[in-house]
């Protein structure tokens, strides 16, 4: 029974149901035939097969988690680094004791699955060894039953066929995926070297933005679903439309489009690096190879053109050596932004505090050089509880102590996620908070030289974005200078902060070159 369950075990949570196990696994026939070897070899075959089968079950369990959060399967070569981030997320959201307990439970589960599948294969191997003839009949019977149901297309539910070959197909796909992951490194090296702007003189780059303060702001998990999902649009769209009017009243114009993110539900740094480098960075291997290269980034282009380049990263809690690759003159993070208030689950500080502090550390400094800032905002990061309230009086923000009661009285992640139906509305509220804070900062503090580009890094996890959601995220540009917008007329973006359904969609890695071309020299693609 254990082997039968392991052979038909699905890798998608929705298929983990009784009908999903009413199947005939063809691998069962091959397994019995494999165990017909002599006794000494049978034990070795049994142990190896049991361990491999146990690993496939574990990997399918990982797939369930990855599909639920990142809308894709687990990559056995490239995804191991994400477990460190997952551990940190659980520590920040639920506490260290919960994280240690989760790790212990996972290790016990992994050991238990491996032990059970290995024991089960050895047990069946012993029966096969004692009953050769019956074993051959059983293998033949399974094979005939599988062939008949396969030929007839038989199914109990109409969706899942009775004839199963999922384990063999799955193992083949995983092996192919691993091979592709190893081969991708050489392909990526070629992509890094192909850069039409690599040899353009710095004084020829970004000439139309000379003297401007350009701020690139990522709004965490701000995806297309926030704008178009039937349960989210009534909450978010009025805020975007009101923000458009508020900006216009303050003399700002805005246009918006769509970008397709390389990631989903998490992995913000992959989106940041894709946006900055003009390369498709969809896994950790590509990211590590990128930051060890000399690829021209948006930040370095601004630095070479004479701007002061700054990273404001309220979500970073430790040193970030990759900043040197991008070309930042200064990096501000949770350790030096002066925040003395409480954390809001994963987010070390509220977005409104970060924006207010930006004035002090860079934006309102006298006699400064033009700025280029990249600033990921984090209040809309999962688990979307508790969410800070927007403060009308920006001067009351101070060192952040004012947020103590909000964090103490707000919803707790454990309580929110106990009822999954409540998660999506809270996600929507977090987007409303972040966008409201950003728009009000622009209208209150933005001057004639400000050019703000804000966008989502990726969609939220499927529990908020909905099943079958795309990888698209909104992107908007805000400025008082009409000549800036006149240079992107051919982008055909929509007026205001809300892109239309038929507004063009670009892959996120296309933005760098389009931006360089719009505000600098027109260079033929390499």
Protein backbone atom coordinates (compact mmCIF):
# COMPACT_ATOMS: atom_id res chain seq x y z
CA UNK A 1 0.00 0.00 0.00
CA UNK A 2 2.88 2.36 0.77
CA UNK A 3 4.52 1.71 -2.58
CA UNK A 4 1.20 2.07 -4.39
CA UNK A 5 0.61 5.44 -2.69
CA UNK A 6 4.15 6.58 -3.46
CA UNK A 7 3.86 5.66 -7.14
CA UNK A 8 0.60 7.59 -7.70
CA UNK A 9 1.34 10.44 -5.27
CA UNK A 10 0.61 13.79 -7.02
CA UNK A 11 2.73 16.95 -6.99
CA UNK A 12 -0.16 19.43 -6.95
CA UNK A 13 -2.14 19.93 -3.76
CA UNK A 14 -5.55 20.02 -5.48
CA UNK A 15 -4.97 16.49 -6.82
CA UNK A 16 -4.35 15.08 -3.34
CA UNK A 17 -7.78 13.44 -3.09
CA UNK A 18 -9.19 9.87 -3.07
CA UNK A 19 -9.97 9.88 -6.82
CA UNK A 20 -6.35 10.81 -7.46
CA UNK A 21 -5.27 7.48 -5.95
CA UNK A 22 -7.72 5.34 -7.95
CA UNK A 23 -5.12 4.61 -10.58
CA UNK A 24 -2.93 1.78 -11.89
CA UNK A 25 0.79 2.70 -11.81
CA UNK A 26 2.68 0.98 -14.64
CA UNK A 27 5.86 1.46 -12.61
CA UNK A 28 4.53 -1.20 -10.23
CA UNK A 29 4.99 -3.88 -12.89
CA UNK A 30 8.54 -2.74 -13.64
CA UNK A 31 9.36 -2.60 -9.92
CA UNK A 32 8.25 -6.21 -9.39
CA UNK A 33 10.27 -7.32 -12.43
CA UNK A 34 13.28 -5.41 -11.11
CA UNK A 35 13.07 -7.23 -7.77
CA UNK A 36 13.24 -10.68 -9.45
CA UNK A 37 17.07 -10.48 -9.34
CA UNK A 38 19.10 -12.80 -7.04
CA UNK A 39 18.76 -12.25 -3.28
CA UNK A 40 22.05 -10.37 -2.70
CA UNK A 41 21.47 -7.98 -5.57
CA UNK A 42 17.81 -7.66 -4.58
CA UNK A 43 18.69 -5.96 -1.30
CA UNK A 44 20.92 -3.41 -3.03
CA UNK A 45 18.28 -2.77 -5.69
CA UNK A 46 15.63 -2.45 -2.97
CA UNK A 47 17.59 0.11 -0.95
CA UNK A 48 18.48 2.23 -3.99
CA UNK A 49 14.95 2.09 -5.38
CA UNK A 50 13.41 2.87 -1.98
CA UNK A 51 15.62 5.92 -1.47
CA UNK A 52 14.95 7.21 -4.99
CA UNK A 53 11.21 6.66 -4.65
CA UNK A 54 11.23 8.39 -1.26
CA UNK A 55 13.08 11.34 -2.75
CA UNK A 56 10.51 11.64 -5.55
CA UNK A 57 7.73 11.77 -2.95
CA UNK A 58 9.62 14.48 -1.04
CA UNK A 59 10.18 16.46 -4.22
CA UNK A 60 6.48 16.21 -5.05
CA UNK A 61 5.71 17.61 -1.60
CA UNK A 62 8.10 20.49 -2.35
CA UNK A 63 6.30 21.04 -5.64
CA UNK A 64 3.03 21.41 -3.74
CA UNK A 65 4.52 24.18 -1.65
CA UNK A 66 6.18 25.90 -4.59
CA UNK A 67 3.00 25.77 -6.69
CA UNK A 68 1.03 27.21 -3.77
CA UNK A 69 3.42 30.12 -3.19
CA UNK A 70 5.48 30.66 -6.35
CA UNK A 71 3.18 29.17 -9.01
CA UNK A 72 5.88 26.81 -10.31
CA UNK A 73 7.48 23.47 -9.36
CA UNK A 74 10.59 23.08 -7.22
CA UNK A 75 13.89 23.20 -9.11
CA UNK A 76 16.19 20.48 -7.70
CA UNK A 77 19.34 22.32 -8.82
CA UNK A 78 18.64 26.01 -8.28
CA UNK A 79 16.10 26.38 -5.48
CA UNK A 80 17.99 25.19 -2.40
CA UNK A 81 19.06 28.73 -1.53
CA UNK A 82 15.39 29.69 -1.01
CA UNK A 83 15.16 27.57 2.12
CA UNK A 84 17.32 30.10 3.96
CA UNK A 85 14.86 32.83 2.98
CA UNK A 86 11.92 30.62 3.98
CA UNK A 87 13.48 30.05 7.42
CA UNK A 88 14.06 33.80 7.87
CA UNK A 89 10.47 34.52 6.82
CA UNK A 90 9.07 32.08 9.41
CA UNK A 91 11.34 33.57 12.11
CA UNK A 92 10.20 37.11 11.26
CA UNK A 93 6.50 36.20 10.99
CA UNK A 94 6.01 33.53 13.67
CA UNK A 95 9.11 33.54 15.87
CA UNK A 96 12.31 31.51 16.16
CA UNK A 97 10.71 28.72 18.19
CA UNK A 98 8.15 28.12 15.44
CA UNK A 99 10.89 28.12 12.80
CA UNK A 100 13.02 25.60 14.71
CA UNK A 101 9.93 23.44 15.28
CA UNK A 102 9.11 23.57 11.56
CA UNK A 103 12.66 22.55 10.61
CA UNK A 104 12.57 19.65 13.08
CA UNK A 105 9.21 18.48 11.75
CA UNK A 106 10.44 18.67 8.15
CA UNK A 107 13.58 16.67 8.95
CA UNK A 108 11.50 14.02 10.69
CA UNK A 109 9.12 13.91 7.73
CA UNK A 110 11.97 13.51 5.23
CA UNK A 111 13.60 10.77 7.30
CA UNK A 112 10.27 9.04 7.80
CA UNK A 113 9.38 9.05 4.10
CA UNK A 114 12.81 7.71 3.10
CA UNK A 115 12.66 4.99 5.76
CA UNK A 116 9.13 3.91 4.90
CA UNK A 117 9.65 3.69 1.13
CA UNK A 118 12.93 1.81 1.58
CA UNK A 119 11.38 -0.61 4.10
CA UNK A 120 8.37 -1.10 1.80
CA UNK A 121 10.52 -1.93 -1.24
CA UNK A 122 12.63 -4.36 0.80
CA UNK A 123 9.48 -5.99 2.17
CA UNK A 124 7.97 -6.40 -1.31
CA UNK A 125 11.35 -7.65 -2.56
CA UNK A 126 11.31 -10.38 0.07
CA UNK A 127 7.81 -11.48 -1.02
CA UNK A 128 8.89 -11.45 -4.67
CA UNK A 129 11.92 -13.58 -3.81
CA UNK A 130 9.77 -16.14 -2.00
CA UNK A 131 7.07 -16.26 -4.68
CA UNK A 132 8.69 -15.85 -8.11
CA UNK A 133 5.84 -17.30 -10.13
CA UNK A 134 3.12 -15.30 -8.39
CA UNK A 135 5.25 -12.17 -8.65
CA UNK A 136 5.54 -12.61 -12.41
CA UNK A 137 1.76 -13.11 -12.67
CA UNK A 138 1.21 -9.96 -10.60
CA UNK A 139 3.59 -7.92 -12.77
CA UNK A 140 1.93 -9.23 -15.92
CA UNK A 141 -1.54 -8.53 -14.53
CA UNK A 142 -0.63 -4.95 -13.67
CA UNK A 143 0.89 -4.42 -17.10
CA UNK A 144 -2.18 -5.84 -18.92
CA UNK A 145 -4.62 -3.83 -16.77
CA UNK A 146 -2.60 -0.67 -17.32
CA UNK A 147 -2.42 -1.23 -21.10
CA UNK A 148 -6.16 -1.87 -21.33
CA UNK A 149 -7.17 1.24 -19.34
CA UNK A 150 -4.63 3.31 -21.23
CA UNK A 151 -5.95 2.14 -24.61
CA UNK A 152 -9.54 2.83 -23.56
CA UNK A 153 -8.73 6.18 -21.98
CA UNK A 154 -10.55 5.03 -18.84
CA UNK A 155 -11.07 7.51 -16.02
CA UNK A 156 -13.21 7.69 -12.87
CA UNK A 157 -13.46 11.48 -12.88
CA UNK A 158 -13.00 12.37 -16.55
CA UNK A 159 -9.86 14.34 -15.74
CA UNK A 160 -7.37 11.90 -14.20
CA UNK A 161 -6.77 8.70 -16.24
CA UNK A 162 -6.72 5.36 -14.43
CA UNK A 163 -3.56 4.33 -16.29
CA UNK A 164 -0.81 6.17 -14.41
CA UNK A 165 2.77 6.69 -15.50
CA UNK A 166 3.24 9.85 -13.45
CA UNK A 167 6.25 8.71 -11.41
CA UNK A 168 8.33 7.71 -14.44
CA UNK A 169 7.36 10.86 -16.34
CA UNK A 170 8.01 12.98 -13.26
CA UNK A 171 11.46 11.45 -12.69
CA UNK A 172 12.35 12.04 -16.35
CA UNK A 173 11.19 15.66 -16.21
CA UNK A 174 13.16 16.34 -13.01
CA UNK A 175 16.32 14.85 -14.53
CA UNK A 176 15.85 16.94 -17.67
CA UNK A 177 15.25 20.05 -15.55
CA UNK A 178 18.43 19.44 -13.58
CA UNK A 179 20.43 18.96 -16.78
CA UNK A 180 19.00 22.19 -18.22
CA UNK A 181 19.91 24.04 -15.04
CA UNK A 182 23.55 22.99 -15.32
CA UNK A 183 23.67 23.88 -19.04
CA UNK A 184 22.13 27.32 -18.52
CA UNK A 185 25.32 28.79 -17.07
CA UNK A 186 27.18 28.82 -20.40
CA UNK A 187 24.17 30.25 -22.23
CA UNK A 188 23.83 33.01 -19.67
CA UNK A 189 27.50 33.95 -20.04
CA UNK A 190 26.83 34.70 -23.71
CA UNK A 191 23.78 36.80 -22.83
CA UNK A 192 25.79 38.91 -20.36
CA UNK A 193 28.33 39.78 -23.05
CA UNK A 194 25.68 40.80 -25.57
CA UNK A 195 25.01 44.44 -24.66
CA UNK A 196 24.41 47.21 -27.17
CA UNK A 197 25.10 49.88 -24.53
CA UNK A 198 28.28 48.47 -23.04
CA UNK A 199 30.61 50.70 -25.05
CA UNK A 200 28.50 53.87 -25.26
CA UNK A 201 30.34 56.86 -23.75
CA UNK A 202 28.93 57.85 -20.32
CA UNK A 203 28.33 61.44 -21.43
CA UNK A 204 26.05 60.13 -24.19
CA UNK A 205 23.86 58.12 -21.81
CA UNK A 206 20.68 59.40 -20.13
CA UNK A 207 21.22 62.91 -21.48
CA UNK A 208 17.49 63.75 -21.41
CA UNK A 209 17.46 63.21 -17.63
CA UNK A 210 20.37 65.52 -16.87
CA UNK A 211 19.74 67.27 -13.56
CA UNK A 212 16.73 65.08 -12.70
CA UNK A 213 16.21 63.07 -9.52
CA UNK A 214 15.15 59.64 -10.76
CA UNK A 215 13.63 57.26 -8.22
CA UNK A 216 12.86 53.64 -9.10
CA UNK A 217 10.49 52.23 -6.48
CA UNK A 218 9.37 48.62 -6.26
CA UNK A 219 6.07 48.06 -4.45
CA UNK A 220 6.28 44.58 -2.97
CA UNK A 221 3.88 42.01 -4.50
CA UNK A 222 2.09 44.70 -6.54
CA UNK A 223 0.81 42.49 -9.35
CA UNK A 224 -1.71 42.71 -12.15
CA UNK A 225 -4.23 40.89 -9.98
CA UNK A 226 -4.33 43.90 -7.65
CA UNK A 227 -5.67 45.96 -10.56
CA UNK A 228 -7.88 43.42 -12.32
CA UNK A 229 -9.00 40.65 -9.94
CA UNK A 230 -12.74 41.02 -9.24
CA UNK A 231 -12.18 40.89 -5.48
CA UNK A 232 -9.26 43.35 -5.50
CA UNK A 233 -10.03 45.88 -8.25
CA UNK A 234 -12.90 47.55 -6.32
CA UNK A 235 -10.45 48.19 -3.50
CA UNK A 236 -7.29 49.16 -5.42
CA UNK A 237 -8.50 50.85 -8.61
CA UNK A 238 -10.28 53.77 -6.89
CA UNK A 239 -7.05 54.49 -5.02
CA UNK A 240 -5.06 54.50 -8.27
CA UNK A 241 -7.63 56.76 -9.97
CA UNK A 242 -7.78 59.13 -6.99
CA UNK A 243 -3.98 59.15 -6.93
CA UNK A 244 -3.93 60.14 -10.60
CA UNK A 245 -6.20 63.10 -9.85
CA UNK A 246 -4.25 64.05 -6.74
CA UNK A 247 -0.99 64.04 -8.70
CA UNK A 248 -2.54 66.10 -11.51
CA UNK A 249 -3.76 68.68 -8.99
CA UNK A 250 -0.17 69.00 -7.77
CA UNK A 251 1.13 69.46 -11.33
CA UNK A 252 2.31 65.87 -11.95
CA UNK A 253 1.50 63.77 -15.00
CA UNK A 254 1.60 59.98 -15.05
CA UNK A 255 1.50 57.08 -17.51
CA UNK A 256 1.36 53.34 -16.87
CA UNK A 257 2.05 50.01 -18.54
CA UNK A 258 2.66 46.35 -17.79
CA UNK A 259 5.85 44.33 -17.35
CA UNK A 260 6.12 40.55 -17.10
CA UNK A 261 8.13 39.61 -14.02
CA UNK A 262 10.59 36.68 -14.08
CA UNK A 263 9.28 35.50 -10.71
CA UNK A 264 5.97 34.94 -8.92
CA UNK A 265 4.97 35.09 -5.27
CA UNK A 266 8.51 35.84 -4.06
CA UNK A 267 12.12 36.20 -5.15
CA UNK A 268 12.03 39.99 -5.38
CA UNK A 269 15.78 40.22 -6.02
CA UNK A 270 15.29 38.31 -9.27
CA UNK A 271 12.90 41.02 -10.48
CA UNK A 272 15.19 43.83 -9.28
CA UNK A 273 18.19 42.36 -11.09
CA UNK A 274 16.17 41.71 -14.26
CA UNK A 275 14.93 45.31 -14.28
CA UNK A 276 18.41 46.70 -13.65
CA UNK A 277 20.43 44.50 -16.01
CA UNK A 278 18.16 43.97 -19.00
CA UNK A 279 18.66 40.21 -18.65
CA UNK A 280 16.11 37.56 -17.70
CA UNK A 281 17.08 36.55 -14.15
CA UNK A 282 14.64 33.84 -13.10
CA UNK A 283 16.78 31.72 -10.78
CA UNK A 284 19.54 32.00 -8.22
CA UNK A 285 22.24 30.63 -10.52
CA UNK A 286 21.64 33.43 -13.03
CA UNK A 287 21.56 35.98 -10.23
CA UNK A 288 24.91 34.87 -8.80
CA UNK A 289 26.51 34.83 -12.23
CA UNK A 290 25.10 38.28 -12.98
CA UNK A 291 26.44 39.97 -9.84
CA UNK A 292 29.91 38.53 -10.51
CA UNK A 293 29.94 40.04 -14.02
CA UNK A 294 30.53 43.57 -15.32
CA UNK A 295 27.09 43.98 -16.91
CA UNK A 296 25.96 47.60 -17.22
CA UNK A 297 23.05 48.27 -14.86
CA UNK A 298 20.64 51.19 -14.71
CA UNK A 299 22.32 52.30 -11.50
CA UNK A 300 25.83 52.24 -12.92
CA UNK A 301 24.72 54.13 -16.02
CA UNK A 302 23.37 56.92 -13.81
CA UNK A 303 26.55 56.84 -11.72
CA UNK A 304 28.71 57.12 -14.84
CA UNK A 305 26.54 60.05 -15.96
CA UNK A 306 27.31 61.95 -12.74
CA UNK A 307 24.35 61.17 -10.47
CA UNK A 308 24.64 60.15 -6.83
CA UNK A 309 23.34 56.59 -6.77
CA UNK A 310 21.58 55.35 -3.65
CA UNK A 311 19.85 52.16 -2.56
CA UNK A 312 17.19 52.49 0.14
CA UNK A 313 16.34 48.96 1.29
CA UNK A 314 14.15 48.90 4.41
CA UNK A 315 13.77 45.13 4.11
CA UNK A 316 17.51 44.38 4.23
CA UNK A 317 18.75 43.36 7.67
CA UNK A 318 22.36 42.52 6.90
CA UNK A 319 25.25 43.53 4.66
CA UNK A 320 24.53 43.48 0.93
CA UNK A 321 27.79 43.04 -1.02
CA UNK A 322 25.90 42.94 -4.34
CA UNK A 323 25.46 46.71 -4.03
CA UNK A 324 28.98 47.12 -5.42
CA UNK A 325 27.98 45.30 -8.61
CA UNK A 326 25.01 47.58 -9.22
CA UNK A 327 27.09 50.71 -8.65
CA UNK A 328 25.62 52.37 -5.55
CA UNK A 329 27.42 55.20 -3.79
CA UNK A 330 25.43 54.53 -0.61
CA UNK A 331 23.19 51.78 0.74
CA UNK A 332 20.60 52.55 3.41
CA UNK A 333 18.91 49.59 5.09
CA UNK A 334 17.02 48.64 8.23
CA UNK A 335 20.21 48.99 10.29
CA UNK A 336 20.91 52.65 9.51
CA UNK A 337 17.53 54.21 8.69
CA UNK A 338 17.00 55.19 12.32
CA UNK A 339 13.75 53.32 12.87
CA UNK A 340 12.88 52.76 16.54
CA UNK A 341 9.37 51.39 16.13
CA UNK A 342 8.08 47.79 15.98
CA UNK A 343 8.33 45.40 13.07
CA UNK A 344 5.20 44.64 11.11
CA UNK A 345 5.68 40.91 10.77
CA UNK A 346 8.24 40.50 7.95
CA UNK A 347 8.51 44.24 7.21
CA UNK A 348 11.11 45.90 9.47
CA UNK A 349 9.39 49.30 9.10
CA UNK A 350 6.32 50.87 7.43
CA UNK A 351 6.64 52.35 3.95
CA UNK A 352 5.53 55.80 5.07
CA UNK A 353 8.41 55.91 7.54
CA UNK A 354 10.86 54.90 4.81
CA UNK A 355 9.59 57.64 2.50
CA UNK A 356 9.73 60.27 5.25
CA UNK A 357 13.25 59.21 6.18
CA UNK A 358 14.29 59.44 2.52
CA UNK A 359 13.92 63.21 2.86
CA UNK A 360 16.37 63.32 5.75
CA UNK A 361 19.03 60.99 4.42
CA UNK A 362 19.10 62.08 0.77
CA UNK A 363 16.25 63.91 -0.95
CA UNK A 364 16.13 67.16 1.02
CA UNK A 365 19.85 67.52 1.69
CA UNK A 366 21.13 70.94 0.58
CA UNK A 367 23.66 71.36 -2.26
CA UNK A 368 23.47 67.72 -3.29
CA UNK A 369 24.06 66.17 -6.70
CA UNK A 370 21.17 64.81 -8.79
CA UNK A 371 19.98 61.52 -7.37
CA UNK A 372 19.24 58.09 -8.75
CA UNK A 373 17.54 55.99 -6.07
CA UNK A 374 16.28 52.43 -6.07
CA UNK A 375 13.87 51.85 -3.20
CA UNK A 376 11.90 48.61 -2.64
CA UNK A 377 8.93 49.27 -0.34
CA UNK A 378 7.98 46.34 1.90
CA UNK A 379 4.69 46.92 3.74
CA UNK A 380 2.83 44.85 1.14
CA UNK A 381 5.07 41.82 1.74
CA UNK A 382 3.37 38.58 2.80
CA UNK A 383 1.94 37.68 5.35
CA UNK A 384 -0.02 40.98 5.10
CA UNK A 385 -0.62 41.24 8.82
CA UNK A 386 -0.46 43.52 10.67
CA UNK A 387 -0.76 46.44 8.22
CA UNK A 388 0.18 49.96 9.38
CA UNK A 389 -2.29 52.83 9.04
CA UNK A 390 -1.51 55.85 6.88
CA UNK A 391 -0.71 58.94 8.98
CA UNK A 392 -2.01 62.26 7.61
CA UNK A 393 0.52 64.15 9.74
CA UNK A 394 3.91 63.20 8.34
CA UNK A 395 5.67 65.16 11.07
CA UNK A 396 4.18 62.82 13.68
CA UNK A 397 6.12 59.86 12.28
CA UNK A 398 9.32 60.78 14.12
CA UNK A 399 11.55 57.79 14.87
CA UNK A 400 8.71 55.32 14.30
CA UNK A 401 7.66 54.90 17.93
CA UNK A 402 4.19 56.10 16.92
CA UNK A 403 3.62 52.73 15.24
CA UNK A 404 3.83 50.71 18.48
CA UNK A 405 0.09 50.54 19.09
CA UNK A 406 -0.64 49.71 15.41
CA UNK A 407 1.60 46.65 15.50
CA UNK A 408 0.29 45.54 18.89
CA UNK A 409 -3.39 45.95 18.02
CA UNK A 410 -3.25 44.82 14.38
CA UNK A 411 -4.09 41.39 13.00
CA UNK A 412 -1.56 38.67 13.66
CA UNK A 413 -0.35 36.42 10.80
CA UNK A 414 -1.42 33.23 12.55
CA UNK A 415 -4.95 34.51 13.06
CA UNK A 416 -5.22 35.84 9.49
CA UNK A 417 -3.95 32.74 7.75
CA UNK A 418 -6.17 30.49 9.86
CA UNK A 419 -8.97 31.68 7.57
CA UNK A 420 -7.60 31.76 3.98
CA UNK A 421 -10.62 33.70 2.69
CA UNK A 422 -9.48 36.72 4.69
CA UNK A 423 -5.98 36.77 3.18
CA UNK A 424 -6.81 38.35 -0.21
CA UNK A 425 -8.62 41.41 1.26
CA UNK A 426 -5.70 42.06 3.61
CA UNK A 427 -3.29 41.87 0.68
CA UNK A 428 -5.43 44.47 -1.10
CA UNK A 429 -5.30 46.72 1.96
CA UNK A 430 -1.50 46.50 2.02
CA UNK A 431 -1.29 47.62 -1.63
CA UNK A 432 -3.67 50.50 -0.88
CA UNK A 433 -1.43 51.54 2.03
CA UNK A 434 1.80 51.44 0.01
CA UNK A 435 0.38 53.29 -3.01
CA UNK A 436 -1.32 55.89 -0.80
CA UNK A 437 1.94 56.53 1.06
CA UNK A 438 3.91 56.86 -2.18
CA UNK A 439 1.44 59.20 -3.93
CA UNK A 440 1.15 61.44 -0.88
CA UNK A 441 4.93 61.62 -0.55
CA UNK A 442 5.17 62.78 -4.17
CA UNK A 443 2.49 65.47 -3.82
CA UNK A 444 3.85 66.70 -0.49
CA UNK A 445 7.60 66.63 -1.15
CA UNK A 446 8.19 66.08 -4.88
CA UNK A 447 9.65 68.98 -6.85
CA UNK A 448 10.00 69.92 -10.52
CA UNK A 449 13.06 67.68 -11.01
CA UNK A 450 11.47 64.47 -9.69
CA UNK A 451 10.99 61.53 -12.05
CA UNK A 452 9.42 58.60 -10.22
CA UNK A 453 9.11 55.15 -11.75
CA UNK A 454 7.22 52.73 -9.52
CA UNK A 455 6.27 49.15 -10.28
CA UNK A 456 5.53 45.78 -8.79
CA UNK A 457 8.27 43.22 -8.40
CA UNK A 458 5.99 40.21 -8.82
CA UNK A 459 2.46 38.94 -8.25
CA UNK A 460 1.47 37.81 -4.76
CA UNK A 461 1.11 34.10 -4.08
CA UNK A 462 -1.95 32.37 -5.62
CA UNK A 463 -3.95 32.66 -2.39
CA UNK A 464 -4.13 36.40 -3.14
CA UNK A 465 -3.59 36.62 -6.91
CA UNK A 466 -5.97 33.78 -7.78
CA UNK A 467 -5.49 30.62 -9.81
CA UNK A 468 -4.00 31.01 -13.27
CA UNK A 469 -2.74 34.54 -12.70
CA UNK A 470 -0.12 35.91 -15.10
CA UNK A 471 3.34 37.15 -14.13
CA UNK A 472 2.44 40.73 -15.12
CA UNK A 473 2.98 43.72 -12.83
CA UNK A 474 1.96 47.38 -13.24
CA UNK A 475 4.56 50.08 -13.86
CA UNK A 476 4.00 53.86 -13.75
CA UNK A 477 6.11 56.93 -14.43
CA UNK A 478 5.32 60.21 -12.62
CA UNK A 479 6.82 63.64 -13.35
CA UNK A 480 6.02 67.33 -13.71
CA UNK A 481 8.18 67.61 -16.82
CA UNK A 482 6.05 66.99 -19.91
CA UNK A 483 9.15 66.59 -22.06
CA UNK A 484 10.04 63.45 -20.10
CA UNK A 485 6.72 61.86 -21.01
CA UNK A 486 7.01 63.06 -24.59
CA UNK A 487 10.06 60.83 -25.01
CA UNK A 488 8.05 57.68 -24.24
CA UNK A 489 5.11 58.38 -26.55
CA UNK A 490 5.95 55.32 -28.63
CA UNK A 491 5.62 53.13 -25.52
CA UNK A 492 1.84 53.61 -25.84
CA UNK A 493 1.28 53.51 -22.11
CA UNK A 494 -2.09 54.46 -20.58
CA UNK A 495 -2.69 57.87 -18.99
CA UNK A 496 -2.69 57.85 -15.18
CA UNK A 497 -1.63 55.29 -12.58
CA UNK A 498 -3.85 52.47 -13.85
CA UNK A 499 -2.78 50.61 -17.01
CA UNK A 500 -5.61 49.45 -19.25
CA UNK A 501 -6.29 45.84 -20.13
CA UNK A 502 -4.93 46.36 -23.66
CA UNK A 503 -1.90 48.41 -22.66
CA UNK A 504 1.27 46.82 -24.13
CA UNK A 505 3.04 44.19 -22.02
CA UNK A 506 6.85 43.93 -22.10
CA UNK A 507 9.08 41.35 -20.46
CA UNK A 508 10.74 43.07 -17.51
CA UNK A 509 14.21 42.61 -19.00
CA UNK A 510 13.18 44.82 -21.96
CA UNK A 511 12.80 47.91 -19.77
CA UNK A 512 16.50 48.79 -19.38
CA UNK A 513 17.21 49.10 -23.09
CA UNK A 514 13.94 50.91 -23.81
CA UNK A 515 14.68 53.36 -21.01
CA UNK A 516 18.25 53.94 -22.21
CA UNK A 517 16.97 54.51 -25.74
CA UNK A 518 14.18 56.88 -24.72
CA UNK A 519 16.43 59.11 -22.63
CA UNK A 520 19.74 58.75 -24.41
CA UNK A 521 21.24 57.50 -27.67
CA UNK A 522 19.41 55.21 -30.05
CA UNK A 523 21.64 52.15 -30.29
CA UNK A 524 21.07 49.14 -32.51
CA UNK A 525 20.45 45.93 -30.61
CA UNK A 526 23.50 43.67 -30.42
